[in-house]
């Protein structure tokens, strides 16, 4: 396959799996060699085994970092500061995309960004939806209440007022306290119950 054929096959999509090229009567070895040649020539970027991105200037559009994060680890969803920034609940720009996974934690560095994965127990792997973050592209991302809950669960002393004040929560009118209360009860964790009381006070204080 020629590179121009690959671009036509992708129809403008910047990310693809190598399995896309294995359909039909093709040699797996030949396809892998071709992929390696395109990587060495800077035409595509290997993000992990079997996952690639079209390199600049050949890609028609930029891949959304959240989509890359989802594809790098199947059982994961965007959460913590990344989700809170997306919802406009914190003012800071968050350069590292952080996700929750029940698998191994770790950081993946690539030419397309830095992606961090935090481990959470299976009992807490809920509170996320498939959301159309960009047109025609659905992303697994935590609801704002679960993103905050995940952050408090994972960070030491995150239930304390000083920590929560430093987040500088904003647009709290879009934050569902009742849902956060239900999530807290569902978790059954005392730490999160303490955080709930502090968060209610912070929101009330404005």
Protein backbone atom coordinates (compact mmCIF):
# COMPACT_ATOMS: atom_id res chain seq x y z
CA UNK A 1 0.00 0.00 0.00
CA UNK A 2 1.17 3.50 -0.83
CA UNK A 3 0.95 6.26 1.76
CA UNK A 4 -1.56 8.16 -0.36
CA UNK A 5 -3.82 5.08 -0.28
CA UNK A 6 -3.62 5.04 3.52
CA UNK A 7 -4.68 8.68 3.70
CA UNK A 8 -7.64 8.00 1.41
CA UNK A 9 -8.59 4.99 3.53
CA UNK A 10 -8.49 7.09 6.71
CA UNK A 11 -10.65 9.80 5.09
CA UNK A 12 -9.20 12.57 7.26
CA UNK A 13 -9.07 10.65 10.54
CA UNK A 14 -5.76 11.31 12.32
CA UNK A 15 -5.62 8.07 14.37
CA UNK A 16 -5.75 4.49 13.21
CA UNK A 17 -5.09 0.94 14.35
CA UNK A 18 -2.80 -1.31 12.35
CA UNK A 19 -5.60 -3.91 12.25
CA UNK A 20 -7.31 -1.64 9.71
CA UNK A 21 -4.64 -2.64 7.19
CA UNK A 22 -4.82 -6.37 7.85
CA UNK A 23 -8.22 -6.86 6.21
CA UNK A 24 -8.32 -9.04 3.13
CA UNK A 25 -5.58 -11.09 1.52
CA UNK A 26 -2.53 -9.21 2.81
CA UNK A 27 0.75 -10.21 4.35
CA UNK A 28 0.92 -9.20 8.02
CA UNK A 29 4.71 -9.10 7.77
CA UNK A 30 4.59 -6.76 4.75
CA UNK A 31 2.11 -4.43 6.47
CA UNK A 32 4.29 -4.23 9.58
CA UNK A 33 7.36 -3.46 7.47
CA UNK A 34 5.47 -0.72 5.65
CA UNK A 35 4.31 0.79 8.94
CA UNK A 36 7.91 0.77 10.20
CA UNK A 37 9.07 2.53 7.01
CA UNK A 38 6.40 5.23 7.39
CA UNK A 39 7.41 5.73 11.02
CA UNK A 40 11.10 6.06 10.10
CA UNK A 41 10.24 8.57 7.37
CA UNK A 42 8.20 10.68 9.81
CA UNK A 43 4.91 10.11 8.01
CA UNK A 44 3.18 8.41 10.92
CA UNK A 45 3.76 8.28 14.69
CA UNK A 46 3.55 5.07 16.69
CA UNK A 47 1.70 5.77 19.94
CA UNK A 48 1.80 2.16 21.13
CA UNK A 49 1.84 -1.28 19.56
CA UNK A 50 -0.92 -1.30 16.97
CA UNK A 51 -1.93 2.37 17.38
CA UNK A 52 -0.68 5.13 15.09
CA UNK A 53 -1.27 8.78 14.28
CA UNK A 54 -0.73 10.49 10.95
CA UNK A 55 2.13 12.96 11.34
CA UNK A 56 2.13 16.61 10.36
CA UNK A 57 1.75 17.93 7.69
CA UNK A 58 -0.08 14.88 6.36
CA UNK A 59 -3.00 14.81 8.80
CA UNK A 60 -6.10 16.75 7.92
CA UNK A 61 -7.02 17.53 11.54
CA UNK A 62 -5.49 17.35 14.98
CA UNK A 63 -6.41 14.36 17.15
CA UNK A 64 -8.11 15.37 20.39
CA UNK A 65 -5.88 14.53 23.40
CA UNK A 66 -8.85 12.94 25.20
CA UNK A 67 -9.42 10.58 22.27
CA UNK A 68 -5.75 9.59 22.29
CA UNK A 69 -5.94 8.93 26.04
CA UNK A 70 -9.00 6.69 25.58
CA UNK A 71 -7.34 4.75 22.79
CA UNK A 72 -4.04 4.27 24.59
CA UNK A 73 -5.83 2.36 27.35
CA UNK A 74 -9.15 0.71 26.59
CA UNK A 75 -10.50 0.44 30.14
CA UNK A 76 -10.05 4.10 31.07
CA UNK A 77 -11.89 7.40 31.27
CA UNK A 78 -10.78 11.05 31.49
CA UNK A 79 -11.01 12.39 35.05
CA UNK A 80 -9.38 14.49 37.78
CA UNK A 81 -8.07 17.93 36.74
CA UNK A 82 -8.41 17.14 33.03
CA UNK A 83 -12.15 16.59 33.32
CA UNK A 84 -12.61 19.48 35.76
CA UNK A 85 -10.86 21.85 33.33
CA UNK A 86 -13.04 20.57 30.47
CA UNK A 87 -16.17 21.38 32.48
CA UNK A 88 -14.80 24.82 33.36
CA UNK A 89 -14.72 24.01 37.06
CA UNK A 90 -11.08 24.99 37.60
CA UNK A 91 -9.28 27.97 36.01
CA UNK A 92 -5.91 26.35 35.31
CA UNK A 93 -4.76 24.92 31.99
CA UNK A 94 -3.92 21.24 32.48
CA UNK A 95 -1.22 20.08 30.00
CA UNK A 96 -1.15 16.42 31.08
CA UNK A 97 -4.25 14.39 30.25
CA UNK A 98 -5.14 12.31 33.31
CA UNK A 99 -7.31 9.23 33.15
CA UNK A 100 -8.62 6.63 35.56
CA UNK A 101 -8.02 2.94 34.96
CA UNK A 102 -8.42 -0.33 36.83
CA UNK A 103 -5.20 -1.47 35.18
CA UNK A 104 -1.61 -0.48 35.78
CA UNK A 105 -0.93 3.18 36.55
CA UNK A 106 1.74 5.03 34.62
CA UNK A 107 2.67 7.84 32.27
CA UNK A 108 2.93 7.65 28.49
CA UNK A 109 5.03 10.33 26.81
CA UNK A 110 4.53 10.87 23.09
CA UNK A 111 4.95 13.47 20.37
CA UNK A 112 1.23 14.16 20.77
CA UNK A 113 1.26 14.82 24.50
CA UNK A 114 1.69 13.42 27.97
CA UNK A 115 -0.89 10.95 29.24
CA UNK A 116 -1.13 9.87 32.86
CA UNK A 117 -3.15 6.93 34.18
CA UNK A 118 -4.17 6.60 37.81
CA UNK A 119 -5.30 3.27 39.22
CA UNK A 120 -8.59 2.98 41.04
CA UNK A 121 -10.25 -0.10 42.52
CA UNK A 122 -12.98 -1.73 40.44
CA UNK A 123 -15.64 -0.81 43.03
CA UNK A 124 -15.10 2.87 42.13
CA UNK A 125 -14.91 2.46 38.36
CA UNK A 126 -18.18 4.24 37.53
CA UNK A 127 -19.56 7.78 37.17
CA UNK A 128 -18.41 8.35 33.59
CA UNK A 129 -20.23 8.69 30.28
CA UNK A 130 -19.52 8.52 26.59
CA UNK A 131 -19.66 12.20 25.64
CA UNK A 132 -19.35 14.00 22.30
CA UNK A 133 -16.40 16.18 23.32
CA UNK A 134 -15.76 17.06 19.68
CA UNK A 135 -18.07 16.67 16.67
CA UNK A 136 -18.74 13.05 15.76
CA UNK A 137 -16.29 11.81 18.38
CA UNK A 138 -17.40 10.29 21.67
CA UNK A 139 -15.02 10.20 24.63
CA UNK A 140 -15.27 8.31 27.90
CA UNK A 141 -15.09 11.07 30.51
CA UNK A 142 -16.08 11.34 34.17
CA UNK A 143 -19.07 13.39 35.17
CA UNK A 144 -17.87 16.55 37.00
CA UNK A 145 -18.98 15.17 40.37
CA UNK A 146 -17.06 11.91 39.81
CA UNK A 147 -13.97 13.76 38.54
CA UNK A 148 -13.80 15.64 41.83
CA UNK A 149 -14.52 12.51 43.83
CA UNK A 150 -11.69 10.66 42.02
CA UNK A 151 -9.30 13.52 42.78
CA UNK A 152 -10.18 13.54 46.48
CA UNK A 153 -9.94 9.75 46.67
CA UNK A 154 -6.49 9.62 45.07
CA UNK A 155 -4.70 12.59 46.64
CA UNK A 156 -3.50 12.66 50.27
CA UNK A 157 -5.29 15.23 52.49
CA UNK A 158 -7.57 16.15 49.58
CA UNK A 159 -10.59 16.16 51.88
CA UNK A 160 -9.19 19.12 53.82
CA UNK A 161 -10.30 22.70 53.27
CA UNK A 162 -6.84 24.02 52.32
CA UNK A 163 -6.51 21.50 49.48
CA UNK A 164 -10.05 22.04 48.19
CA UNK A 165 -9.72 25.84 48.40
CA UNK A 166 -6.55 25.67 46.28
CA UNK A 167 -8.56 24.08 43.47
CA UNK A 168 -10.42 27.41 43.13
CA UNK A 169 -13.62 25.71 42.06
CA UNK A 170 -15.72 27.85 39.73
CA UNK A 171 -19.01 27.58 37.83
CA UNK A 172 -20.30 25.57 40.77
CA UNK A 173 -23.90 26.26 39.70
CA UNK A 174 -23.31 23.41 37.21
CA UNK A 175 -22.09 21.10 39.97
CA UNK A 176 -24.80 18.75 41.26
CA UNK A 177 -24.36 18.52 45.03
CA UNK A 178 -27.12 15.94 45.29
CA UNK A 179 -25.37 13.72 42.76
CA UNK A 180 -22.02 14.22 44.52
CA UNK A 181 -23.73 13.25 47.79
CA UNK A 182 -25.08 10.08 46.18
CA UNK A 183 -21.65 9.28 44.74
CA UNK A 184 -20.09 9.81 48.17
CA UNK A 185 -22.58 7.44 49.80
CA UNK A 186 -22.02 4.88 47.05
CA UNK A 187 -18.26 4.94 47.70
CA UNK A 188 -18.79 4.27 51.41
CA UNK A 189 -15.61 6.16 52.25
CA UNK A 190 -15.34 8.41 55.30
CA UNK A 191 -12.70 10.56 53.61
CA UNK A 192 -15.15 11.49 50.86
CA UNK A 193 -17.89 12.18 53.38
CA UNK A 194 -15.62 14.69 55.11
CA UNK A 195 -14.80 16.29 51.77
CA UNK A 196 -18.50 16.61 50.95
CA UNK A 197 -19.10 18.74 54.05
CA UNK A 198 -16.19 21.03 53.15
CA UNK A 199 -17.26 21.37 49.50
CA UNK A 200 -20.80 22.36 50.50
CA UNK A 201 -19.36 25.11 52.70
CA UNK A 202 -17.01 26.35 49.99
CA UNK A 203 -19.87 26.55 47.48
CA UNK A 204 -22.14 28.29 49.99
CA UNK A 205 -19.40 30.82 50.74
CA UNK A 206 -19.08 31.52 47.03
